């Protein structure tokens, strides 16, 4: 501000003592220098931020690739061990040793294979039928399948009895009476500095973690044994864990080293930002115009009826029948690049015309599904409603008019609202009460992501909750959210609420909800992706035929005879 005030002061003086042309030149020059300085400062911060972000991505990829290599090699090692276990040759005999050597020759990372008992090698392909006597060794780690891992057994140390360097560490994997010794780096694409890594293994019986391979950074187990990206001081640490073999890889790098290794790019970025500092205002203007352009395109699309709907099936997990559908709005702007509803609906909400989208969606849905809703009273169509609609006095009359014109009963249409849309409690509760009095079902969408409590749900008096997909995706993992699911189901049962589980993509997730005491309706890619109305109606017809074949004896007999033929 002081600099700007001084510039303005100079301008005022200049306007009195110099021609206007010189004043403009002085202001332009001063503004250019100031903008360039700001641009260089911004460039410095930008280059640093980009360097950190790129490094985080590289660390994640690095850790993931090592874990992937480890899982692939571990799987193949177990295949070799299984092949050794079915050997019908005499134990430690010449033929068995030759058999072991053949397995080694077929691998590019195996160093040895043989028999092992009580932590002592009996014989191997490299050591021969009579392995040198050595003290009994204790496994460094034991994995869940009972496999034991040893780090640099005495037989695989150098002639002076010292452990080999870290990049030549020989690991020994024992399963039963057989073992394989290998150097895992033959399949790992290790990177040069400033990228480093360390591998941590978890002992299954004790659940204690320890270093397996790589460097030895002084880090807490909270970083070494847990997925995620962490920044400590000037260092970045990215950890990726294997869910099959209980080992984690932490890739790390020093930010100063990263920036130094990319010094040329770093300086270039600062220079370019300095040169582009004078264009910052123009860029902001273009961005603002682009945002306004999206809004105007969306308004035109609504006026021209260019938004379209797709429908995703809702399936009763007990009967496996399609019992409903959720309508989902889609929009492709004039440039041909689709924009997600989370973006354009938010723009419409901010600009105050989201009610027009709701009206368009309702009109399209009733037109495309009107006949189905009239002929199948048990089928229910779900419509998403925005927060602004709940307090819009024109919403309920519009809804009544559309349904009356199409002769569709209110019981056939479910209204979905998000937890956040009920923040304006008084208006929301009144609208929900009116909707239910008309016969509509009201569902709380994305349940669990907001702030609905037991008392709050009771006050809202809704009919069903839709469990957010983040809870569904947690099934089968160690995520904390899995432990919350039984509480949500119990809450729904206590309040006599129907339950819809969204985001179901696997049979494991479906089976979890199918075993619930309370019937659950499922929605997700496992049962069908969002599809246009004509494709969905064909799916509905096929579902009805399939159900008829299972319930009608004659149809079932025809189906069975056709299947036998």
Protein backbone atom coordinates (compact mmCIF):
# COMPACT_ATOMS: atom_id res chain seq x y z
CA UNK A 1 0.00 0.00 0.00
CA UNK A 2 2.83 2.40 0.77
CA UNK A 3 4.34 1.75 -2.66
CA UNK A 4 1.02 2.31 -4.34
CA UNK A 5 0.41 5.53 -2.39
CA UNK A 6 3.84 6.77 -3.38
CA UNK A 7 3.11 5.95 -7.04
CA UNK A 8 -0.18 7.79 -6.85
CA UNK A 9 1.57 10.74 -5.21
CA UNK A 10 4.18 10.82 -7.98
CA UNK A 11 1.38 10.64 -10.48
CA UNK A 12 -0.32 13.63 -8.93
CA UNK A 13 2.90 15.61 -8.97
CA UNK A 14 3.61 14.51 -12.52
CA UNK A 15 0.18 15.58 -13.67
CA UNK A 16 0.93 19.08 -12.48
CA UNK A 17 4.50 19.40 -13.74
CA UNK A 18 4.78 17.10 -16.77
CA UNK A 19 2.76 16.53 -19.89
CA UNK A 20 0.09 13.83 -19.63
CA UNK A 21 2.04 11.50 -21.92
CA UNK A 22 5.02 11.42 -19.54
CA UNK A 23 2.67 10.85 -16.62
CA UNK A 24 1.10 7.84 -18.34
CA UNK A 25 4.54 6.45 -19.20
CA UNK A 26 5.65 6.83 -15.59
CA UNK A 27 2.53 5.13 -14.28
CA UNK A 28 2.80 2.36 -16.86
CA UNK A 29 6.45 1.79 -16.07
CA UNK A 30 5.84 1.84 -12.35
CA UNK A 31 2.85 -0.51 -12.64
CA UNK A 32 4.86 -2.85 -14.87
CA UNK A 33 7.74 -3.01 -12.38
CA UNK A 34 5.34 -3.58 -9.51
CA UNK A 35 3.42 -6.25 -11.41
CA UNK A 36 6.67 -7.95 -12.46
CA UNK A 37 7.85 -7.98 -8.84
CA UNK A 38 4.55 -9.43 -7.70
CA UNK A 39 4.69 -11.94 -10.54
CA UNK A 40 8.18 -13.05 -9.57
CA UNK A 41 7.12 -13.42 -5.96
CA UNK A 42 4.10 -15.40 -7.05
CA UNK A 43 6.32 -17.41 -9.39
CA UNK A 44 8.59 -18.33 -6.54
CA UNK A 45 5.66 -19.57 -4.50
CA UNK A 46 4.08 -21.27 -7.51
CA UNK A 47 7.29 -23.07 -8.49
CA UNK A 48 7.69 -24.29 -4.93
CA UNK A 49 4.07 -25.44 -4.73
CA UNK A 50 4.28 -27.21 -8.09
CA UNK A 51 7.57 -28.84 -7.09
CA UNK A 52 6.00 -30.12 -3.88
CA UNK A 53 2.88 -31.36 -5.66
CA UNK A 54 4.88 -33.12 -8.38
CA UNK A 55 7.14 -34.64 -5.74
CA UNK A 56 4.11 -35.91 -3.80
CA UNK A 57 2.80 -37.54 -6.95
CA UNK A 58 6.18 -39.08 -7.75
CA UNK A 59 6.57 -40.33 -4.19
CA UNK A 60 3.16 -41.95 -4.32
CA UNK A 61 3.94 -43.58 -7.67
CA UNK A 62 7.36 -44.67 -6.42
CA UNK A 63 5.97 -46.29 -3.27
CA UNK A 64 3.12 -47.87 -5.21
CA UNK A 65 5.47 -49.36 -7.83
CA UNK A 66 7.69 -50.91 -5.17
CA UNK A 67 4.70 -52.40 -3.37
CA UNK A 68 3.38 -53.70 -6.69
CA UNK A 69 6.75 -55.27 -7.50
CA UNK A 70 6.92 -56.78 -4.03
CA UNK A 71 3.43 -58.29 -4.34
CA UNK A 72 4.20 -59.69 -7.79
CA UNK A 73 7.51 -61.21 -6.73
CA UNK A 74 6.07 -62.52 -3.45
CA UNK A 75 3.25 -64.20 -5.33
CA UNK A 76 5.72 -65.82 -7.71
CA UNK A 77 7.98 -66.86 -4.84
CA UNK A 78 5.06 -68.66 -3.24
CA UNK A 79 4.43 -70.38 -6.55
CA UNK A 80 8.03 -71.61 -6.51
CA UNK A 81 7.67 -72.76 -2.90
CA UNK A 82 4.52 -74.68 -3.81
CA UNK A 83 6.39 -76.30 -6.69
CA UNK A 84 9.18 -77.28 -4.31
CA UNK A 85 6.71 -78.75 -1.84
CA UNK A 86 5.39 -81.26 -4.39
CA UNK A 87 8.87 -82.53 -5.19
CA UNK A 88 8.94 -86.34 -5.02
CA UNK A 89 12.73 -86.54 -4.93
CA UNK A 90 14.66 -87.68 -1.88
CA UNK A 91 15.12 -84.84 0.56
CA UNK A 92 18.42 -83.01 -0.11
CA UNK A 93 19.33 -85.64 -2.67
CA UNK A 94 21.14 -84.88 -5.89
CA UNK A 95 17.98 -84.91 -7.99
CA UNK A 96 16.19 -82.58 -5.63
CA UNK A 97 19.17 -80.17 -5.62
CA UNK A 98 19.14 -80.24 -9.41
CA UNK A 99 15.40 -79.59 -9.35
CA UNK A 100 15.94 -76.58 -7.11
CA UNK A 101 18.65 -75.26 -9.43
CA UNK A 102 16.30 -75.51 -12.37
CA UNK A 103 13.78 -73.34 -10.58
CA UNK A 104 16.50 -70.75 -9.87
CA UNK A 105 17.62 -70.64 -13.50
CA UNK A 106 14.05 -69.80 -14.54
CA UNK A 107 13.96 -66.73 -12.27
CA UNK A 108 15.83 -63.46 -12.61
CA UNK A 109 15.85 -62.64 -8.91
CA UNK A 110 16.13 -65.96 -7.05
CA UNK A 111 19.57 -66.54 -5.55
CA UNK A 112 18.98 -69.83 -3.79
CA UNK A 113 16.33 -72.41 -2.92
CA UNK A 114 16.35 -75.37 -0.62
CA UNK A 115 15.19 -77.00 2.57
CA UNK A 116 15.10 -75.34 5.96
CA UNK A 117 14.02 -76.49 9.40
CA UNK A 118 13.94 -74.72 12.76
CA UNK A 119 15.70 -71.66 11.38
CA UNK A 120 18.62 -73.69 9.96
CA UNK A 121 19.31 -74.38 6.28
CA UNK A 122 19.61 -78.14 5.60
CA UNK A 123 20.58 -77.98 1.94
CA UNK A 124 20.14 -75.72 -1.06
CA UNK A 125 20.89 -75.27 -4.74
CA UNK A 126 23.78 -72.90 -4.01
CA UNK A 127 25.15 -74.45 -0.81
CA UNK A 128 24.81 -78.06 -1.90
CA UNK A 129 23.39 -81.11 -0.12
CA UNK A 130 25.28 -80.34 3.07
CA UNK A 131 24.89 -76.71 4.00
CA UNK A 132 27.61 -75.23 6.28
CA UNK A 133 26.62 -75.43 9.91
CA UNK A 134 25.19 -72.21 11.28
CA UNK A 135 23.45 -71.10 14.41
CA UNK A 136 19.71 -71.36 14.46
CA UNK A 137 18.10 -68.17 13.16
CA UNK A 138 14.90 -66.54 14.27
CA UNK A 139 12.58 -65.05 11.65
CA UNK A 140 12.56 -61.28 11.49
CA UNK A 141 8.94 -61.30 10.41
CA UNK A 142 6.11 -63.83 10.14
CA UNK A 143 3.32 -63.13 7.69
CA UNK A 144 -0.34 -64.00 8.00
CA UNK A 145 -0.08 -67.14 5.89
CA UNK A 146 2.69 -68.48 8.16
CA UNK A 147 5.56 -67.57 5.83
CA UNK A 148 8.73 -66.48 7.66
CA UNK A 149 11.09 -63.77 6.44
CA UNK A 150 14.80 -63.61 7.34
CA UNK A 151 17.09 -60.68 6.58
CA UNK A 152 20.61 -61.69 5.44
CA UNK A 153 21.06 -65.15 6.95
CA UNK A 154 24.71 -65.97 7.83
CA UNK A 155 25.01 -68.13 4.72
CA UNK A 156 24.33 -65.07 2.56
CA UNK A 157 26.83 -62.66 4.11
CA UNK A 158 30.25 -61.81 2.71
CA UNK A 159 33.42 -63.73 3.56
CA UNK A 160 34.12 -61.46 6.55
CA UNK A 161 30.75 -62.29 8.02
CA UNK A 162 29.41 -58.78 7.47
CA UNK A 163 26.00 -58.05 6.06
CA UNK A 164 25.95 -57.05 2.44
CA UNK A 165 25.16 -53.43 1.54
CA UNK A 166 21.52 -52.35 1.61
CA UNK A 167 21.14 -52.60 -2.15
CA UNK A 168 22.33 -56.23 -2.04
CA UNK A 169 20.30 -57.42 0.94
CA UNK A 170 19.30 -61.03 0.51
CA UNK A 171 15.89 -61.94 1.91
CA UNK A 172 14.89 -65.47 2.74
CA UNK A 173 11.27 -66.58 2.58
CA UNK A 174 10.41 -69.87 4.30
CA UNK A 175 7.13 -71.72 3.99
CA UNK A 176 6.96 -75.12 5.63
CA UNK A 177 10.25 -76.99 5.19
CA UNK A 178 11.25 -75.11 2.05
CA UNK A 179 12.79 -71.69 1.45
CA UNK A 180 13.86 -69.34 -1.31
CA UNK A 181 16.49 -66.61 -1.03
CA UNK A 182 16.14 -63.62 -3.30
CA UNK A 183 17.23 -60.06 -3.95
CA UNK A 184 14.01 -58.13 -4.53
CA UNK A 185 15.71 -55.18 -6.24
CA UNK A 186 16.05 -57.06 -9.49
CA UNK A 187 12.43 -56.22 -10.23
CA UNK A 188 12.29 -52.79 -8.59
CA UNK A 189 12.82 -49.65 -10.60
CA UNK A 190 14.74 -47.77 -7.95
CA UNK A 191 15.21 -44.06 -8.54
CA UNK A 192 18.20 -41.89 -7.88
CA UNK A 193 18.37 -39.07 -5.34
CA UNK A 194 16.55 -37.03 -4.23
CA UNK A 195 14.09 -39.95 -4.06
CA UNK A 196 14.67 -42.37 -1.18
CA UNK A 197 12.68 -45.19 0.30
CA UNK A 198 12.39 -47.53 3.23
CA UNK A 199 10.28 -50.66 3.51
CA UNK A 200 8.56 -51.57 6.76
CA UNK A 201 7.12 -55.00 7.51
CA UNK A 202 4.56 -55.93 10.14
CA UNK A 203 5.03 -59.12 12.10
CA UNK A 204 1.65 -60.90 12.08
CA UNK A 205 1.82 -62.59 15.53
CA UNK A 206 2.98 -59.48 17.42
CA UNK A 207 1.62 -56.80 15.08
CA UNK A 208 4.93 -54.97 15.58
CA UNK A 209 6.58 -53.16 12.70
CA UNK A 210 10.24 -53.05 11.74
CA UNK A 211 12.50 -52.14 8.84
CA UNK A 212 12.76 -54.69 6.07
CA UNK A 213 14.65 -52.94 3.26
CA UNK A 214 15.96 -49.59 2.12
CA UNK A 215 17.27 -46.62 4.06
CA UNK A 216 16.81 -46.05 7.79
CA UNK A 217 15.13 -42.68 8.37
CA UNK A 218 14.28 -41.77 11.95
CA UNK A 219 10.51 -41.79 11.58
CA UNK A 220 7.61 -42.81 13.75
CA UNK A 221 5.57 -45.90 12.95
CA UNK A 222 2.59 -43.62 12.45
CA UNK A 223 4.24 -42.58 9.18
CA UNK A 224 5.97 -45.83 8.23
CA UNK A 225 2.99 -48.15 8.73
CA UNK A 226 0.03 -46.04 7.61
CA UNK A 227 -1.17 -45.06 4.14
CA UNK A 228 -0.93 -41.40 3.22
CA UNK A 229 1.22 -38.39 2.46
CA UNK A 230 2.88 -36.52 5.34
CA UNK A 231 5.07 -33.43 5.43
CA UNK A 232 7.53 -32.98 8.28
CA UNK A 233 9.64 -29.85 8.14
CA UNK A 234 11.28 -29.72 4.72
CA UNK A 235 10.70 -33.40 3.89
CA UNK A 236 7.82 -35.23 2.23
CA UNK A 237 6.90 -38.83 3.05
CA UNK A 238 4.47 -40.94 1.04
CA UNK A 239 3.52 -44.38 2.35
CA UNK A 240 1.71 -47.14 0.48
CA UNK A 241 0.88 -50.48 2.11
CA UNK A 242 0.22 -53.92 0.69
CA UNK A 243 -3.05 -55.46 1.80
CA UNK A 244 -1.80 -58.95 0.93
CA UNK A 245 1.58 -59.25 2.61
CA UNK A 246 1.54 -56.72 5.47
CA UNK A 247 4.41 -54.55 4.39
CA UNK A 248 4.52 -50.80 3.73
CA UNK A 249 6.85 -48.72 1.58
CA UNK A 250 7.63 -45.13 2.49
CA UNK A 251 9.13 -43.01 -0.28
CA UNK A 252 10.57 -39.69 0.85
CA UNK A 253 12.48 -36.69 -0.40
CA UNK A 254 13.88 -33.41 0.90
CA UNK A 255 12.13 -30.35 -0.55
CA UNK A 256 15.38 -28.32 -0.86
CA UNK A 257 17.01 -31.23 -2.71
CA UNK A 258 14.01 -31.49 -5.03
CA UNK A 259 14.10 -27.79 -5.82
CA UNK A 260 17.87 -27.86 -6.31
CA UNK A 261 17.63 -30.80 -8.71
CA UNK A 262 15.09 -28.79 -10.73
CA UNK A 263 16.87 -25.47 -10.40
CA UNK A 264 16.59 -24.57 -14.10
CA UNK A 265 12.85 -25.16 -14.13
CA UNK A 266 12.51 -23.30 -10.85
CA UNK A 267 14.25 -20.17 -12.21
CA UNK A 268 12.35 -20.40 -15.50
CA UNK A 269 9.05 -20.46 -13.68
CA UNK A 270 9.97 -17.34 -11.69
CA UNK A 271 11.07 -15.55 -14.86
CA UNK A 272 7.93 -16.48 -16.77
CA UNK A 273 5.70 -15.41 -13.90
CA UNK A 274 7.60 -12.12 -13.70
CA UNK A 275 7.06 -11.50 -17.42
CA UNK A 276 3.43 -12.48 -17.12
CA UNK A 277 2.77 -10.34 -14.06
CA UNK A 278 1.40 -7.51 -16.22
CA UNK A 279 -1.17 -9.92 -17.73
CA UNK A 280 -2.59 -11.02 -14.36
CA UNK A 281 -5.48 -8.58 -14.57
CA UNK A 282 -6.35 -9.75 -18.07
CA UNK A 283 -6.23 -13.39 -16.94
CA UNK A 284 -8.55 -12.72 -14.01
CA UNK A 285 -10.90 -10.90 -16.35
CA UNK A 286 -10.92 -13.84 -18.75
CA UNK A 287 -11.60 -16.26 -15.92
CA UNK A 288 -14.45 -14.14 -14.67
CA UNK A 289 -15.92 -13.92 -18.16
CA UNK A 290 -15.60 -17.67 -18.57
CA UNK A 291 -17.53 -18.24 -15.34
CA UNK A 292 -20.20 -15.83 -16.53
CA UNK A 293 -20.18 -17.65 -19.86
CA UNK A 294 -20.92 -21.00 -18.15
CA UNK A 295 -23.81 -19.40 -16.30
CA UNK A 296 -25.19 -17.90 -19.50
CA UNK A 297 -24.79 -21.21 -21.35
CA UNK A 298 -26.63 -23.00 -18.56
CA UNK A 299 -29.47 -20.47 -18.65
CA UNK A 300 -29.71 -20.91 -22.43
CA UNK A 301 -29.67 -24.70 -22.06
CA UNK A 302 -32.57 -24.54 -19.60
CA UNK A 303 -34.57 -22.23 -21.87
CA UNK A 304 -33.91 -24.49 -24.87
CA UNK A 305 -34.62 -27.67 -22.87
CA UNK A 306 -31.10 -29.02 -23.49
CA UNK A 307 -30.58 -30.76 -20.16
CA UNK A 308 -31.14 -34.51 -20.21
CA UNK A 309 -31.94 -37.16 -17.64
CA UNK A 310 -30.52 -40.59 -16.93
CA UNK A 311 -31.91 -43.10 -14.46
CA UNK A 312 -30.22 -45.54 -12.10
CA UNK A 313 -32.13 -48.58 -10.78
CA UNK A 314 -33.05 -49.14 -7.14
CA UNK A 315 -33.05 -52.85 -6.28
CA UNK A 316 -34.64 -54.67 -3.34
CA UNK A 317 -31.84 -56.86 -2.00
CA UNK A 318 -34.30 -59.47 -0.68
CA UNK A 319 -36.13 -60.08 -3.97
CA UNK A 320 -33.46 -58.78 -6.37
CA UNK A 321 -36.28 -56.87 -8.13
CA UNK A 322 -36.04 -53.32 -9.48
CA UNK A 323 -38.41 -51.30 -7.30
CA UNK A 324 -37.56 -47.80 -8.41
CA UNK A 325 -35.16 -45.41 -10.07
CA UNK A 326 -33.35 -42.19 -9.26
CA UNK A 327 -33.40 -39.47 -11.91
CA UNK A 328 -30.04 -37.78 -12.48
CA UNK A 329 -29.60 -34.62 -14.56
CA UNK A 330 -26.80 -34.25 -17.09
CA UNK A 331 -25.59 -31.29 -19.16
CA UNK A 332 -23.08 -30.83 -21.95
CA UNK A 333 -22.21 -27.16 -22.65
CA UNK A 334 -21.74 -25.72 -26.11
CA UNK A 335 -18.04 -26.63 -26.23
CA UNK A 336 -18.93 -30.34 -26.01
CA UNK A 337 -17.23 -30.99 -22.65
CA UNK A 338 -19.68 -32.44 -20.07
CA UNK A 339 -20.01 -30.59 -16.77
CA UNK A 340 -20.96 -32.51 -13.63
CA UNK A 341 -24.18 -31.69 -11.76
CA UNK A 342 -22.16 -30.84 -8.66
CA UNK A 343 -20.75 -27.91 -10.68
CA UNK A 344 -23.68 -26.56 -12.68
CA UNK A 345 -26.28 -27.13 -9.95
CA UNK A 346 -24.05 -25.22 -7.54
CA UNK A 347 -23.79 -22.36 -10.06
CA UNK A 348 -27.58 -22.34 -10.43
CA UNK A 349 -28.00 -22.28 -6.64
CA UNK A 350 -25.54 -19.42 -6.26
CA UNK A 351 -27.21 -17.42 -9.04
CA UNK A 352 -30.72 -18.16 -7.80
CA UNK A 353 -32.24 -20.16 -10.67
CA UNK A 354 -31.87 -23.76 -9.45
CA UNK A 355 -35.68 -23.99 -9.28
CA UNK A 356 -35.75 -23.88 -13.07
CA UNK A 357 -33.55 -27.01 -13.17
CA UNK A 358 -35.82 -28.75 -10.67
CA UNK A 359 -38.88 -27.91 -12.77
CA UNK A 360 -37.17 -29.15 -15.96
CA UNK A 361 -36.08 -32.40 -14.29
CA UNK A 362 -39.56 -33.02 -12.91
CA UNK A 363 -41.19 -32.31 -16.26
CA UNK A 364 -38.82 -34.63 -18.15
CA UNK A 365 -39.05 -37.43 -15.59
CA UNK A 366 -42.84 -37.43 -15.50
CA UNK A 367 -43.03 -37.31 -19.30
CA UNK A 368 -40.61 -40.24 -19.71
CA UNK A 369 -41.92 -42.36 -16.82
CA UNK A 370 -45.56 -41.25 -16.61
CA UNK A 371 -47.00 -44.42 -18.14
CA UNK A 372 -44.81 -46.64 -15.97
CA UNK A 373 -45.83 -44.78 -12.81
CA UNK A 374 -49.51 -45.02 -13.71
CA UNK A 375 -49.39 -48.74 -14.53
CA UNK A 376 -47.02 -49.89 -11.77
CA UNK A 377 -48.11 -48.41 -8.43
CA UNK A 378 -45.29 -50.19 -6.59
CA UNK A 379 -42.60 -48.54 -8.73
CA UNK A 380 -41.24 -45.30 -7.29
CA UNK A 381 -39.27 -42.57 -9.04
CA UNK A 382 -36.88 -40.40 -6.99
CA UNK A 383 -36.30 -36.72 -7.77
CA UNK A 384 -33.50 -34.65 -6.21
CA UNK A 385 -34.60 -31.32 -4.78
CA UNK A 386 -32.28 -28.42 -3.90
CA UNK A 387 -32.26 -26.51 -0.63
CA UNK A 388 -33.72 -23.44 -2.31
CA UNK A 389 -36.74 -25.46 -3.49
CA UNK A 390 -37.75 -26.29 0.07
CA UNK A 391 -38.24 -22.62 0.89
CA UNK A 392 -39.57 -21.59 -2.52
CA UNK A 393 -43.34 -20.90 -2.26
CA UNK A 394 -43.75 -21.81 -5.94
CA UNK A 395 -42.26 -25.29 -5.56
CA UNK A 396 -45.24 -27.21 -4.14
CA UNK A 397 -47.85 -25.69 -6.52
CA UNK A 398 -45.56 -26.47 -9.47
CA UNK A 399 -45.12 -30.06 -8.26
CA UNK A 400 -48.88 -30.53 -7.82
CA UNK A 401 -49.62 -29.13 -11.27
CA UNK A 402 -47.12 -31.38 -13.10
CA UNK A 403 -48.39 -34.53 -11.37
CA UNK A 404 -52.06 -33.61 -11.88
CA UNK A 405 -51.53 -32.94 -15.57
CA UNK A 406 -49.84 -36.33 -16.03
CA UNK A 407 -52.35 -38.16 -13.78
CA UNK A 408 -49.48 -39.56 -11.72
CA UNK A 409 -50.18 -40.17 -8.02
CA UNK A 410 -47.97 -38.44 -5.46
CA UNK A 411 -47.16 -41.81 -3.90
CA UNK A 412 -45.20 -42.71 -7.04
CA UNK A 413 -42.75 -39.85 -6.61
CA UNK A 414 -40.08 -39.75 -3.89
CA UNK A 415 -38.37 -36.49 -3.02
CA UNK A 416 -34.66 -36.65 -2.14
CA UNK A 417 -33.05 -33.88 -0.11
CA UNK A 418 -29.53 -33.63 1.29
CA UNK A 419 -28.76 -33.23 4.99
CA UNK A 420 -27.32 -29.80 4.29
CA UNK A 421 -30.52 -28.60 2.59
CA UNK A 422 -32.38 -28.89 5.90
CA UNK A 423 -30.16 -26.28 7.56
CA UNK A 424 -32.99 -23.76 7.26
CA UNK A 425 -34.96 -25.95 9.59
CA UNK A 426 -38.31 -24.20 9.90
CA UNK A 427 -38.94 -23.86 6.17
CA UNK A 428 -37.60 -27.33 5.43
CA UNK A 429 -39.74 -29.03 8.08
CA UNK A 430 -42.88 -27.31 6.86
CA UNK A 431 -42.22 -28.30 3.25
CA UNK A 432 -41.41 -31.89 4.22
CA UNK A 433 -44.64 -32.07 6.21
CA UNK A 434 -46.60 -30.81 3.20
CA UNK A 435 -44.89 -33.27 0.87
CA UNK A 436 -45.73 -36.23 3.10
CA UNK A 437 -49.32 -35.07 3.52
CA UNK A 438 -49.64 -35.16 -0.27
CA UNK A 439 -48.39 -38.77 -0.29
CA UNK A 440 -44.77 -38.26 -1.34
CA UNK A 441 -41.95 -40.19 0.33
CA UNK A 442 -39.13 -37.98 1.54
CA UNK A 443 -35.57 -39.34 1.64
CA UNK A 444 -32.45 -37.88 3.23
CA UNK A 445 -29.72 -38.23 0.56
CA UNK A 446 -26.00 -38.75 1.31
CA UNK A 447 -26.86 -39.61 4.92
CA UNK A 448 -23.89 -39.55 7.30
CA UNK A 449 -22.03 -36.69 5.64
CA UNK A 450 -23.97 -33.94 7.41
CA UNK A 451 -25.19 -33.46 10.91
CA UNK A 452 -28.40 -35.51 11.28
CA UNK A 453 -28.84 -36.89 14.77
CA UNK A 454 -31.51 -39.19 16.14
CA UNK A 455 -33.53 -36.24 17.48
CA UNK A 456 -33.05 -34.27 14.27
CA UNK A 457 -34.31 -37.13 12.07
CA UNK A 458 -37.32 -37.54 14.33
CA UNK A 459 -38.06 -33.83 14.01
CA UNK A 460 -37.75 -33.91 10.21
CA UNK A 461 -40.10 -36.90 10.03
CA UNK A 462 -38.74 -38.33 6.78
CA UNK A 463 -39.47 -41.76 5.30
CA UNK A 464 -36.05 -43.09 4.38
CA UNK A 465 -32.32 -42.44 4.53
CA UNK A 466 -29.80 -43.03 1.76
CA UNK A 467 -26.49 -44.14 3.23
CA UNK A 468 -23.68 -42.19 1.59
CA UNK A 469 -21.39 -44.09 -0.79
CA UNK A 470 -18.37 -43.33 1.39
CA UNK A 471 -19.73 -45.76 3.99
CA UNK A 472 -20.46 -48.39 1.33
CA UNK A 473 -16.96 -48.12 -0.12
CA UNK A 474 -15.50 -48.73 3.35
CA UNK A 475 -17.02 -52.23 3.56
CA UNK A 476 -14.29 -54.86 3.45
CA UNK A 477 -11.63 -52.41 4.62
CA UNK A 478 -10.28 -51.34 7.99
CA UNK A 479 -11.82 -47.87 7.72
CA UNK A 480 -13.43 -46.49 10.86
CA UNK A 481 -16.62 -45.78 8.91
CA UNK A 482 -17.42 -49.51 8.75
CA UNK A 483 -18.06 -49.52 12.49
CA UNK A 484 -20.64 -46.74 12.09
CA UNK A 485 -22.82 -48.67 9.63
CA UNK A 486 -24.49 -50.93 12.25
CA UNK A 487 -25.36 -47.82 14.27
CA UNK A 488 -26.94 -46.19 11.21
CA UNK A 489 -29.00 -49.31 10.51
CA UNK A 490 -30.08 -49.50 14.15
CA UNK A 491 -31.05 -45.82 14.07
CA UNK A 492 -33.15 -46.42 10.96
CA UNK A 493 -34.88 -49.37 12.58
CA UNK A 494 -35.57 -47.41 15.78
CA UNK A 495 -37.22 -44.62 13.75
CA UNK A 496 -38.93 -47.05 11.36
CA UNK A 497 -37.09 -45.56 8.38
CA UNK A 498 -36.50 -47.33 5.11
CA UNK A 499 -32.81 -47.68 4.11
CA UNK A 500 -31.26 -47.16 0.69
CA UNK A 501 -27.55 -47.95 0.26
CA UNK A 502 -25.90 -46.10 -2.61
CA UNK A 503 -22.57 -46.70 -4.31
CA UNK A 504 -22.73 -50.53 -4.24
CA UNK A 505 -20.14 -51.80 -6.71
CA UNK A 506 -19.17 -55.26 -5.40
CA UNK A 507 -21.01 -58.40 -4.30
CA UNK A 508 -19.32 -58.14 -0.89
CA UNK A 509 -20.95 -54.75 -0.32
CA UNK A 510 -24.31 -56.08 -1.49
CA UNK A 511 -24.10 -59.13 0.79
CA UNK A 512 -23.32 -56.89 3.77
CA UNK A 513 -26.61 -55.04 3.40
CA UNK A 514 -28.55 -58.13 2.31
CA UNK A 515 -27.86 -59.75 5.68
CA UNK A 516 -29.23 -56.77 7.60
CA UNK A 517 -32.30 -57.47 9.73
CA UNK A 518 -34.11 -54.62 8.03
CA UNK A 519 -34.71 -54.84 4.28
CA UNK A 520 -32.38 -52.58 2.32
CA UNK A 521 -32.80 -51.13 -1.16
CA UNK A 522 -29.54 -50.98 -3.12
CA UNK A 523 -28.25 -48.56 -5.74
CA UNK A 524 -24.93 -48.74 -7.55
CA UNK A 525 -22.97 -49.93 -10.56
CA UNK A 526 -23.33 -53.57 -9.47
CA UNK A 527 -27.02 -53.37 -10.42
CA UNK A 528 -26.82 -50.88 -13.25
CA UNK A 529 -25.23 -47.63 -14.36
CA UNK A 530 -27.30 -44.52 -15.04
CA UNK A 531 -29.03 -44.94 -18.42
CA UNK A 532 -31.45 -42.97 -20.63
CA UNK A 533 -35.15 -43.60 -20.14
CA UNK A 534 -35.60 -45.96 -23.12
CA UNK A 535 -32.70 -48.17 -22.04
CA UNK A 536 -33.91 -48.19 -18.43
CA UNK A 537 -37.47 -49.14 -19.43
CA UNK A 538 -36.10 -52.09 -21.44
CA UNK A 539 -34.17 -53.16 -18.36
CA UNK A 540 -37.37 -52.89 -16.33
CA UNK A 541 -39.23 -55.13 -18.80
CA UNK A 542 -36.46 -57.74 -18.66
CA UNK A 543 -36.54 -57.62 -14.88
CA UNK A 544 -40.31 -58.20 -14.89
CA UNK A 545 -39.97 -61.17 -17.27
CA UNK A 546 -37.26 -62.68 -15.10
CA UNK A 547 -39.43 -62.29 -12.01
CA UNK A 548 -42.41 -63.84 -13.76
CA UNK A 549 -40.30 -66.82 -14.81
CA UNK A 550 -39.35 -67.40 -11.18
CA UNK A 551 -42.84 -67.02 -9.70
CA UNK A 552 -45.22 -68.46 -12.32
CA UNK A 553 -44.96 -72.30 -12.48
CA UNK A 554 -45.77 -72.48 -16.20
CA UNK A 555 -43.30 -69.73 -17.07
CA UNK A 556 -40.70 -71.33 -14.84
CA UNK A 557 -41.18 -74.68 -16.60
CA UNK A 558 -40.83 -73.03 -19.99
CA UNK A 559 -37.71 -71.24 -18.79
CA UNK A 560 -36.21 -74.48 -17.46
CA UNK A 561 -36.99 -76.42 -20.65
CA UNK A 562 -35.52 -73.63 -22.74
CA UNK A 563 -32.42 -73.62 -20.56
CA UNK A 564 -32.07 -77.43 -20.86
CA UNK A 565 -32.44 -77.25 -24.64
